[in-house]
Amino acid sequence: MLRERVEAVLGKVRPLLQRDGGNVELVDVLPDGTVKVKLTGACSGCPMSTMTLKNAIEETIKKEIPEVKSVVQV
């Protein structure tokens, strides 16, 4: 159930990433509240990808799903 909720929030973030030629894939949701994602397309090699991960993806997920503790890129 948590995985589906995270996927729904990622669906809200994806259009922002896709506008710049990137995307994000959900890899895993761990029991400790860690979400693993993979940045793809233009996002995978972008020097701003860390900021995108923390400021856009992680912030949005944690705001909507408080039980998520962190989002990490794999």
C-alpha atoms as a PDB file:
ATOM      1  CA  MET A   1       0.000   0.000   0.000  1.00  0.00           C
ATOM      2  CA  LEU A   2       2.831   2.426   0.807  1.00  0.00           C
ATOM      3  CA  ARG A   3       4.419   1.642  -2.558  1.00  0.00           C
ATOM      4  CA  GLU A   4       1.216   2.637  -4.365  1.00  0.00           C
ATOM      5  CA  ARG A   5       1.030   5.898  -2.428  1.00  0.00           C
ATOM      6  CA  VAL A   6       4.648   6.739  -3.302  1.00  0.00           C
ATOM      7  CA  GLU A   7       3.991   5.912  -6.959  1.00  0.00           C
ATOM      8  CA  ALA A   8       0.984   8.256  -6.933  1.00  0.00           C
ATOM      9  CA  VAL A   9       3.095  11.128  -5.555  1.00  0.00           C
ATOM     10  CA  LEU A  10       5.816  10.436  -8.120  1.00  0.00           C
ATOM     11  CA  GLY A  11       3.098  10.775 -10.741  1.00  0.00           C
ATOM     12  CA  LYS A  12       2.674  14.379  -9.616  1.00  0.00           C
ATOM     13  CA  VAL A  13       6.421  15.089  -9.901  1.00  0.00           C
ATOM     14  CA  ARG A  14       6.999  13.338 -13.237  1.00  0.00           C
ATOM     15  CA  PRO A  15       5.561  16.086 -15.490  1.00  0.00           C
ATOM     16  CA  LEU A  16       8.134  18.552 -14.117  1.00  0.00           C
ATOM     17  CA  LEU A  17      10.967  16.153 -14.871  1.00  0.00           C
ATOM     18  CA  GLN A  18       9.591  15.123 -18.265  1.00  0.00           C
ATOM     19  CA  ARG A  19       9.345  18.745 -19.330  1.00  0.00           C
ATOM     20  CA  ASP A  20      13.159  18.842 -19.195  1.00  0.00           C
ATOM     21  CA  GLY A  21      13.646  15.404 -20.781  1.00  0.00           C
ATOM     22  CA  GLY A  22      14.015  13.401 -17.581  1.00  0.00           C
ATOM     23  CA  ASN A  23      11.976  11.014 -15.492  1.00  0.00           C
ATOM     24  CA  VAL A  24      12.000   9.079 -12.227  1.00  0.00           C
ATOM     25  CA  GLU A  25      11.388   5.378 -11.590  1.00  0.00           C
ATOM     26  CA  LEU A  26      10.415   3.869  -8.254  1.00  0.00           C
ATOM     27  CA  VAL A  27      12.861   1.082  -7.418  1.00  0.00           C
ATOM     28  CA  ASP A  28      11.846   0.067  -3.889  1.00  0.00           C
ATOM     29  CA  VAL A  29      10.163   1.160  -0.674  1.00  0.00           C
ATOM     30  CA  LEU A  30      11.885  -0.250   2.401  1.00  0.00           C
ATOM     31  CA  PRO A  31      10.169  -0.986   5.730  1.00  0.00           C
ATOM     32  CA  ASP A  32      12.309   1.676   7.456  1.00  0.00           C
ATOM     33  CA  GLY A  33      10.684   4.431   5.356  1.00  0.00           C
ATOM     34  CA  THR A  34      13.443   4.732   2.758  1.00  0.00           C
ATOM     35  CA  VAL A  35      12.340   5.155  -0.841  1.00  0.00           C
ATOM     36  CA  LYS A  36      14.783   4.168  -3.602  1.00  0.00           C
ATOM     37  CA  VAL A  37      14.388   5.858  -6.968  1.00  0.00           C
ATOM     38  CA  LYS A  38      16.277   5.951 -10.242  1.00  0.00           C
ATOM     39  CA  LEU A  39      16.533   9.183 -12.200  1.00  0.00           C
ATOM     40  CA  THR A  40      16.437   8.559 -15.951  1.00  0.00           C
ATOM     41  CA  GLY A  41      16.749  10.483 -19.191  1.00  0.00           C
ATOM     42  CA  ALA A  42      18.229  13.948 -18.887  1.00  0.00           C
ATOM     43  CA  CYS A  43      18.024  13.710 -15.085  1.00  0.00           C
ATOM     44  CA  SER A  44      20.462  10.790 -14.871  1.00  0.00           C
ATOM     45  CA  GLY A  45      23.503  12.852 -15.885  1.00  0.00           C
ATOM     46  CA  CYS A  46      22.375  16.300 -14.831  1.00  0.00           C
ATOM     47  CA  PRO A  47      24.617  18.148 -12.359  1.00  0.00           C
ATOM     48  CA  MET A  48      21.452  19.417 -10.647  1.00  0.00           C
ATOM     49  CA  SER A  49      20.052  15.904 -10.099  1.00  0.00           C
ATOM     50  CA  THR A  50      20.909  15.887  -6.375  1.00  0.00           C
ATOM     51  CA  MET A  51      18.991  19.117  -5.860  1.00  0.00           C
ATOM     52  CA  THR A  52      16.085  17.766  -7.909  1.00  0.00           C
ATOM     53  CA  LEU A  53      16.071  14.604  -5.816  1.00  0.00           C
ATOM     54  CA  LYS A  54      16.091  16.421  -2.477  1.00  0.00           C
ATOM     55  CA  ASN A  55      14.168  19.616  -3.228  1.00  0.00           C
ATOM     56  CA  ALA A  56      11.481  18.302  -5.553  1.00  0.00           C
ATOM     57  CA  ILE A  57      11.094  14.552  -5.204  1.00  0.00           C
ATOM     58  CA  GLU A  58      11.955  13.917  -1.536  1.00  0.00           C
ATOM     59  CA  GLU A  59      10.251  17.065  -0.267  1.00  0.00           C
ATOM     60  CA  THR A  60       7.016  16.287  -2.125  1.00  0.00           C
ATOM     61  CA  ILE A  61       6.932  12.641  -1.036  1.00  0.00           C
ATOM     62  CA  LYS A  62       7.677  13.426   2.635  1.00  0.00           C
ATOM     63  CA  LYS A  63       5.060  16.182   2.697  1.00  0.00           C
ATOM     64  CA  GLU A  64       2.330  13.866   1.419  1.00  0.00           C
ATOM     65  CA  ILE A  65       3.506  10.649   3.094  1.00  0.00           C
ATOM     66  CA  PRO A  66       4.976  11.432   6.546  1.00  0.00           C
ATOM     67  CA  GLU A  67       6.086   7.846   7.168  1.00  0.00           C
ATOM     68  CA  VAL A  68       8.685   8.200   4.397  1.00  0.00           C
ATOM     69  CA  LYS A  69      11.974   9.149   6.073  1.00  0.00           C
ATOM     70  CA  SER A  70      14.278   9.587   3.088  1.00  0.00           C
ATOM     71  CA  VAL A  71      14.528   9.240  -0.671  1.00  0.00           C
ATOM     72  CA  VAL A  72      17.775   7.934  -2.146  1.00  0.00           C
ATOM     73  CA  GLN A  73      18.984   7.599  -5.705  1.00  0.00           C
ATOM     74  CA  VAL A  74      20.237   4.193  -6.871  1.00  0.00           C
END
